Amino acid sequence: MPAVLGVTLGNIIANIYGGLGYVDIIGGSIANFLAAYVGWKIGPRNFAGSLFAGTVAQNIIVSSIVGSYLAVLFDVPLEVGFLGVLLGSIISMNFIGYVLAIKKSGIQS
């Protein structure tokens, strides 16, 4: 849970200094809190691929919420907003995040 709160607080601070105002501060923080919480709940489950499933769930949550409000703010189709966030999140969450989670847990990949 400390990591969930840390990610949320870090997102709030980052969006205060470089985000898109209150929409990004609130929306991004909610998205990252929900994603981190869901990943925290799924990741440690005792089934094959639980860590990867946790990162995929996080990616879908963040891409859906942030992609939706970015599509509205920038007046682009919802698919463009979703895919724009999804592509960056695949790298940061599904590749880098997964590798870090594997290393921390000691699981052999």
Protein backbone atom coordinates (compact mmCIF):
# COMPACT_ATOMS: atom_id res chain seq x y z
CA MET A 1 0.00 0.00 0.00
CA PRO A 2 2.85 2.49 0.54
CA ALA A 3 3.76 2.16 -3.15
CA VAL A 4 0.12 2.79 -4.16
CA LEU A 5 0.08 6.00 -2.14
CA GLY A 6 3.56 6.95 -3.36
CA VAL A 7 2.59 6.59 -7.02
CA THR A 8 -0.54 8.66 -6.40
CA LEU A 9 1.31 11.42 -4.56
CA GLY A 10 4.06 11.43 -7.19
CA ASN A 11 1.45 11.80 -9.90
CA ILE A 12 -0.20 14.71 -8.10
CA ILE A 13 3.14 16.52 -7.73
CA ALA A 14 4.15 15.84 -11.35
CA ASN A 15 0.82 17.07 -12.70
CA ILE A 16 0.93 20.23 -10.56
CA TYR A 17 4.19 21.21 -12.22
CA GLY A 18 3.72 19.85 -15.71
CA GLY A 19 0.20 18.61 -16.27
CA LEU A 20 -2.92 20.00 -17.85
CA GLY A 21 -4.33 21.68 -14.76
CA TYR A 22 -6.93 20.41 -12.36
CA VAL A 23 -8.34 17.86 -14.80
CA ASP A 24 -4.96 16.17 -15.04
CA ILE A 25 -4.15 16.55 -11.35
CA ILE A 26 -7.43 14.96 -10.28
CA GLY A 27 -8.05 12.59 -13.22
CA GLY A 28 -4.47 11.38 -13.49
CA SER A 29 -4.21 10.86 -9.76
CA ILE A 30 -7.45 8.88 -9.62
CA ALA A 31 -6.34 6.79 -12.62
CA ASN A 32 -2.95 6.06 -11.10
CA PHE A 33 -4.39 5.32 -7.66
CA LEU A 34 -6.92 2.85 -9.10
CA ALA A 35 -4.33 1.26 -11.38
CA ALA A 36 -1.74 0.90 -8.62
CA TYR A 37 -4.34 -0.50 -6.21
CA VAL A 38 -5.62 -3.05 -8.74
CA GLY A 39 -2.06 -4.06 -9.66
CA TRP A 40 -1.22 -4.40 -5.97
CA LYS A 41 -4.19 -6.72 -5.51
CA ILE A 42 -3.67 -8.83 -8.65
CA GLY A 43 0.14 -9.07 -8.73
CA PRO A 44 0.73 -11.17 -5.61
CA ARG A 45 -2.02 -13.69 -6.44
CA ASN A 46 -0.76 -17.20 -6.69
CA PHE A 47 -1.34 -18.01 -10.35
CA ALA A 48 0.97 -18.14 -13.33
CA GLY A 49 1.24 -14.73 -14.91
CA SER A 50 -0.29 -12.81 -12.00
CA LEU A 51 2.41 -10.11 -12.13
CA PHE A 52 1.90 -9.64 -15.85
CA ALA A 53 -1.88 -9.63 -15.42
CA GLY A 54 -1.46 -6.89 -12.82
CA THR A 55 0.54 -4.71 -15.22
CA VAL A 56 -1.99 -5.27 -18.02
CA ALA A 57 -4.86 -4.28 -15.71
CA GLN A 58 -2.96 -1.14 -14.69
CA ASN A 59 -2.34 -0.27 -18.31
CA ILE A 60 -6.00 -0.64 -19.27
CA ILE A 61 -7.17 1.48 -16.33
CA VAL A 62 -4.73 4.34 -16.94
CA SER A 63 -5.22 4.28 -20.72
CA SER A 64 -9.01 4.32 -20.36
CA ILE A 65 -9.27 7.13 -17.83
CA VAL A 66 -6.44 9.38 -18.98
CA GLY A 67 -7.06 8.63 -22.67
CA SER A 68 -10.72 9.62 -22.24
CA TYR A 69 -10.11 13.02 -20.72
CA LEU A 70 -7.22 13.76 -23.07
CA ALA A 71 -9.50 13.01 -26.03
CA VAL A 72 -12.00 15.52 -24.69
CA LEU A 73 -9.37 18.17 -23.85
CA PHE A 74 -7.66 17.92 -27.23
CA ASP A 75 -10.86 17.31 -29.23
CA VAL A 76 -9.63 14.09 -30.83
CA PRO A 77 -11.43 10.76 -31.23
CA LEU A 78 -11.55 8.60 -28.11
CA GLU A 79 -9.50 5.91 -29.87
CA VAL A 80 -6.67 8.39 -30.45
CA GLY A 81 -6.62 9.41 -26.79
CA PHE A 82 -6.70 5.79 -25.63
CA LEU A 83 -4.02 4.58 -28.06
CA GLY A 84 -1.78 7.54 -27.32
CA VAL A 85 -1.68 6.71 -23.63
CA LEU A 86 -1.69 2.95 -24.25
CA LEU A 87 1.50 2.98 -26.32
CA GLY A 88 3.52 4.84 -23.69
CA SER A 89 2.04 2.75 -20.91
CA ILE A 90 2.98 -0.51 -22.63
CA ILE A 91 6.62 0.51 -22.40
CA SER A 92 6.53 1.89 -18.87
CA MET A 93 4.14 -0.58 -17.23
CA ASN A 94 4.11 -3.80 -19.23
CA PHE A 95 7.81 -3.94 -20.06
CA ILE A 96 9.78 -1.96 -17.49
CA GLY A 97 7.28 -2.37 -14.64
CA TYR A 98 6.95 -6.09 -15.24
CA VAL A 99 10.72 -6.60 -15.29
CA LEU A 100 11.10 -4.63 -12.04
CA ALA A 101 8.26 -6.60 -10.41
CA ILE A 102 9.88 -9.90 -11.44
CA LYS A 103 13.25 -8.81 -10.04
CA LYS A 104 11.68 -7.66 -6.76
CA SER A 105 9.65 -10.83 -6.32
CA GLY A 106 12.53 -13.16 -7.20
CA ILE A 107 10.45 -15.09 -9.73
CA GLN A 108 12.40 -16.73 -12.53
CA SER A 109 11.13 -15.58 -15.92
